[in-house]
Structures are given as structure tokens and as C-alpha cells.
Amino acid sequence: MLFRVLTVVLALSVSACSSWVFRLDIPQGNYLEQKDVDKLQIAMTKEQVKFILGSPVVLDAFDDDTWNYVYRFKSGRSSSLDAQKHFDVKFENNLVISASGDFELPESFYTPMVN
């Protein structure tokens, strides 16, 4: 009987300490900032986009002309801090034709690149 009581007390005390356990934040994907998206312009080449935003994490095997930038953040402290963003860039003939997602496109986006 004493063994069972000690086991229950030990289990309850260990479970009470679980909030003290350190949990890591887990960032995954392409972290983009608005200042980087502001540098994009229509008619940029794939290499220019890659220089500004980096290589996309998600590549569509059936559509080489769409790049998907996805970012997920899982907080170790609170699920209210979790975040998810995505941004898509579409190309035609190796040049940007459109972009959309969780970032606002600047007015300068619609001004073609001067080569």
C-alpha cells in the first residue's frame, strides 16, 4: 500500500514539473521579410529572385515555373506564438510574371526591370 501511495505521489510531482521543461522553438522553411519582398520586380530572372529571396524550399515537380516559399514557426512556449506564412512567385520564360501570398507587393513590383 505504501509503495502505491509513493508511486502516485512521485507521478504527480513529476507531472507538476513538466511546465519547467525547456522546449525548443522550431522554425522551418524560408523566413522572408517584407523588405526582401519589396526588392522584387516584374521581369526579374529566376537567378535574381534566388539572390533576393533564396532558394525555395517547396519545389513543384510538375511546374518548374512556380516557386513556393513557405515558413512555419512552432513555439516551444505557447501555441499562440505559432506562425505560418507563404509566398508564391510565378515565372514565364524565366522571368517573373506575378507574385502573391502573405506579403504585400510594392508599387515598384509592376515596374519592369531595366537590363
C-alpha atoms as a PDB file:
ATOM      1  CA  MET A   1       0.000   0.000   0.000  1.00  0.00           C
ATOM      2  CA  LEU A   2       2.789   2.414   0.909  1.00  0.00           C
ATOM      3  CA  PHE A   3       4.501   1.627  -2.401  1.00  0.00           C
ATOM      4  CA  ARG A   4       1.349   2.593  -4.353  1.00  0.00           C
ATOM      5  CA  VAL A   5       0.979   5.846  -2.426  1.00  0.00           C
ATOM      6  CA  LEU A   6       4.630   6.732  -3.066  1.00  0.00           C
ATOM      7  CA  THR A   7       4.237   5.876  -6.755  1.00  0.00           C
ATOM      8  CA  VAL A   8       1.185   8.138  -7.081  1.00  0.00           C
ATOM      9  CA  VAL A   9       2.905  10.970  -5.180  1.00  0.00           C
ATOM     10  CA  LEU A  10       6.027  10.620  -7.348  1.00  0.00           C
ATOM     11  CA  ALA A  11       3.976  10.578 -10.574  1.00  0.00           C
ATOM     12  CA  LEU A  12       2.053  13.683  -9.548  1.00  0.00           C
ATOM     13  CA  SER A  13       5.201  15.556  -8.557  1.00  0.00           C
ATOM     14  CA  VAL A  14       6.929  14.720 -11.848  1.00  0.00           C
ATOM     15  CA  SER A  15       3.898  15.807 -13.886  1.00  0.00           C
ATOM     16  CA  ALA A  16       3.775  19.081 -11.956  1.00  0.00           C
ATOM     17  CA  CYS A  17       7.337  19.818 -13.070  1.00  0.00           C
ATOM     18  CA  SER A  18       6.581  19.310 -16.752  1.00  0.00           C
ATOM     19  CA  SER A  19       5.967  23.039 -17.207  1.00  0.00           C
ATOM     20  CA  TRP A  20       9.619  23.593 -16.262  1.00  0.00           C
ATOM     21  CA  VAL A  21      10.889  21.561 -19.193  1.00  0.00           C
ATOM     22  CA  PHE A  22      12.554  23.706 -21.850  1.00  0.00           C
ATOM     23  CA  ARG A  23      11.027  23.281 -25.285  1.00  0.00           C
ATOM     24  CA  LEU A  24      12.810  24.492 -28.402  1.00  0.00           C
ATOM     25  CA  ASP A  25      11.300  26.865 -30.942  1.00  0.00           C
ATOM     26  CA  ILE A  26      11.148  25.131 -34.331  1.00  0.00           C
ATOM     27  CA  PRO A  27      11.465  27.366 -37.401  1.00  0.00           C
ATOM     28  CA  GLN A  28      11.085  25.605 -40.759  1.00  0.00           C
ATOM     29  CA  GLY A  29      11.272  26.827 -44.343  1.00  0.00           C
ATOM     30  CA  ASN A  30      12.111  30.169 -45.907  1.00  0.00           C
ATOM     31  CA  TYR A  31      11.982  33.093 -43.487  1.00  0.00           C
ATOM     32  CA  LEU A  32      11.070  36.113 -45.593  1.00  0.00           C
ATOM     33  CA  GLU A  33      10.757  39.725 -44.533  1.00  0.00           C
ATOM     34  CA  GLN A  34       8.734  42.472 -46.180  1.00  0.00           C
ATOM     35  CA  LYS A  35      11.946  44.378 -47.000  1.00  0.00           C
ATOM     36  CA  ASP A  36      13.089  41.435 -49.154  1.00  0.00           C
ATOM     37  CA  VAL A  37       9.759  41.159 -50.963  1.00  0.00           C
ATOM     38  CA  ASP A  38       9.922  44.932 -51.599  1.00  0.00           C
ATOM     39  CA  LYS A  39      13.001  44.342 -53.785  1.00  0.00           C
ATOM     40  CA  LEU A  40      11.122  42.128 -56.260  1.00  0.00           C
ATOM     41  CA  GLN A  41      10.101  43.471 -59.647  1.00  0.00           C
ATOM     42  CA  ILE A  42       8.239  42.015 -62.557  1.00  0.00           C
ATOM     43  CA  ALA A  43      10.517  40.613 -65.320  1.00  0.00           C
ATOM     44  CA  MET A  44      13.285  39.605 -62.885  1.00  0.00           C
ATOM     45  CA  THR A  45      15.072  36.393 -63.766  1.00  0.00           C
ATOM     46  CA  LYS A  46      14.991  33.281 -61.592  1.00  0.00           C
ATOM     47  CA  GLU A  47      18.602  33.917 -60.581  1.00  0.00           C
ATOM     48  CA  GLN A  48      17.766  37.451 -59.433  1.00  0.00           C
ATOM     49  CA  VAL A  49      14.826  36.183 -57.365  1.00  0.00           C
ATOM     50  CA  LYS A  50      17.008  33.458 -55.880  1.00  0.00           C
ATOM     51  CA  PHE A  51      19.612  36.102 -54.922  1.00  0.00           C
ATOM     52  CA  ILE A  52      16.965  38.191 -53.113  1.00  0.00           C
ATOM     53  CA  LEU A  53      14.736  35.522 -51.514  1.00  0.00           C
ATOM     54  CA  GLY A  54      16.962  32.459 -51.541  1.00  0.00           C
ATOM     55  CA  SER A  55      16.125  29.059 -52.958  1.00  0.00           C
ATOM     56  CA  PRO A  56      12.533  27.983 -52.397  1.00  0.00           C
ATOM     57  CA  VAL A  57      12.037  25.080 -50.013  1.00  0.00           C
ATOM     58  CA  VAL A  58       8.990  23.740 -51.848  1.00  0.00           C
ATOM     59  CA  LEU A  59       9.529  22.853 -55.495  1.00  0.00           C
ATOM     60  CA  ASP A  60       6.687  21.574 -57.630  1.00  0.00           C
ATOM     61  CA  ALA A  61       7.909  18.608 -59.675  1.00  0.00           C
ATOM     62  CA  PHE A  62       5.253  19.286 -62.319  1.00  0.00           C
ATOM     63  CA  ASP A  63       5.552  23.080 -62.548  1.00  0.00           C
ATOM     64  CA  ASP A  64       9.092  24.472 -62.681  1.00  0.00           C
ATOM     65  CA  ASP A  65       7.702  27.979 -63.220  1.00  0.00           C
ATOM     66  CA  THR A  66       6.151  28.365 -59.751  1.00  0.00           C
ATOM     67  CA  TRP A  67       8.300  28.826 -56.672  1.00  0.00           C
ATOM     68  CA  ASN A  68       6.656  28.411 -53.265  1.00  0.00           C
ATOM     69  CA  TYR A  69       8.265  29.995 -50.228  1.00  0.00           C
ATOM     70  CA  VAL A  70       6.771  28.524 -47.051  1.00  0.00           C
ATOM     71  CA  TYR A  71       7.674  29.341 -43.448  1.00  0.00           C
ATOM     72  CA  ARG A  72       6.349  27.708 -40.297  1.00  0.00           C
ATOM     73  CA  PHE A  73       7.273  28.591 -36.726  1.00  0.00           C
ATOM     74  CA  LYS A  74       6.317  26.312 -33.845  1.00  0.00           C
ATOM     75  CA  SER A  75       6.918  27.917 -30.485  1.00  0.00           C
ATOM     76  CA  GLY A  76       8.137  25.772 -27.630  1.00  0.00           C
ATOM     77  CA  ARG A  77       6.489  28.086 -25.120  1.00  0.00           C
ATOM     78  CA  SER A  78       2.997  28.822 -26.361  1.00  0.00           C
ATOM     79  CA  SER A  79       0.926  27.767 -29.345  1.00  0.00           C
ATOM     80  CA  SER A  80      -0.350  31.368 -29.597  1.00  0.00           C
ATOM     81  CA  LEU A  81       3.133  32.291 -30.891  1.00  0.00           C
ATOM     82  CA  ASP A  82       2.970  29.778 -33.768  1.00  0.00           C
ATOM     83  CA  ALA A  83       3.113  31.348 -37.230  1.00  0.00           C
ATOM     84  CA  GLN A  84       2.821  30.299 -40.837  1.00  0.00           C
ATOM     85  CA  LYS A  85       3.464  32.348 -43.990  1.00  0.00           C
ATOM     86  CA  HIS A  86       3.635  31.555 -47.669  1.00  0.00           C
ATOM     87  CA  PHE A  87       4.646  33.450 -50.781  1.00  0.00           C
ATOM     88  CA  ASP A  88       4.440  32.265 -54.399  1.00  0.00           C
ATOM     89  CA  VAL A  89       6.409  33.599 -57.372  1.00  0.00           C
ATOM     90  CA  LYS A  90       5.340  32.656 -60.912  1.00  0.00           C
ATOM     91  CA  PHE A  91       7.637  32.755 -63.927  1.00  0.00           C
ATOM     92  CA  GLU A  92       7.164  32.622 -67.681  1.00  0.00           C
ATOM     93  CA  ASN A  93      10.175  32.241 -69.984  1.00  0.00           C
ATOM     94  CA  ASN A  94      12.452  32.511 -66.915  1.00  0.00           C
ATOM     95  CA  LEU A  95      11.007  35.945 -65.951  1.00  0.00           C
ATOM     96  CA  VAL A  96       8.713  36.900 -63.057  1.00  0.00           C
ATOM     97  CA  ILE A  97       5.124  37.460 -64.176  1.00  0.00           C
ATOM     98  CA  SER A  98       3.356  37.525 -60.787  1.00  0.00           C
ATOM     99  CA  ALA A  99       3.750  37.056 -57.066  1.00  0.00           C
ATOM    100  CA  SER A 100       1.224  36.534 -54.284  1.00  0.00           C
ATOM    101  CA  GLY A 101       0.915  35.422 -50.705  1.00  0.00           C
ATOM    102  CA  ASP A 102       1.126  36.760 -47.174  1.00  0.00           C
ATOM    103  CA  PHE A 103       3.275  39.756 -48.121  1.00  0.00           C
ATOM    104  CA  GLU A 104       2.189  42.989 -49.746  1.00  0.00           C
ATOM    105  CA  LEU A 105       3.716  43.717 -53.136  1.00  0.00           C
ATOM    106  CA  PRO A 106       5.274  47.176 -53.501  1.00  0.00           C
ATOM    107  CA  GLU A 107       4.158  49.547 -56.251  1.00  0.00           C
ATOM    108  CA  SER A 108       7.625  49.194 -57.778  1.00  0.00           C
ATOM    109  CA  PHE A 109       6.889  45.489 -58.385  1.00  0.00           C
ATOM    110  CA  TYR A 110       4.925  46.381 -61.505  1.00  0.00           C
ATOM    111  CA  THR A 111       7.784  48.411 -62.993  1.00  0.00           C
ATOM    112  CA  PRO A 112       9.750  46.046 -65.261  1.00  0.00           C
ATOM    113  CA  MET A 113      13.463  45.536 -64.685  1.00  0.00           C
ATOM    114  CA  VAL A 114      15.717  47.591 -66.940  1.00  0.00           C
ATOM    115  CA  ASN A 115      18.506  45.396 -68.329  1.00  0.00           C
END
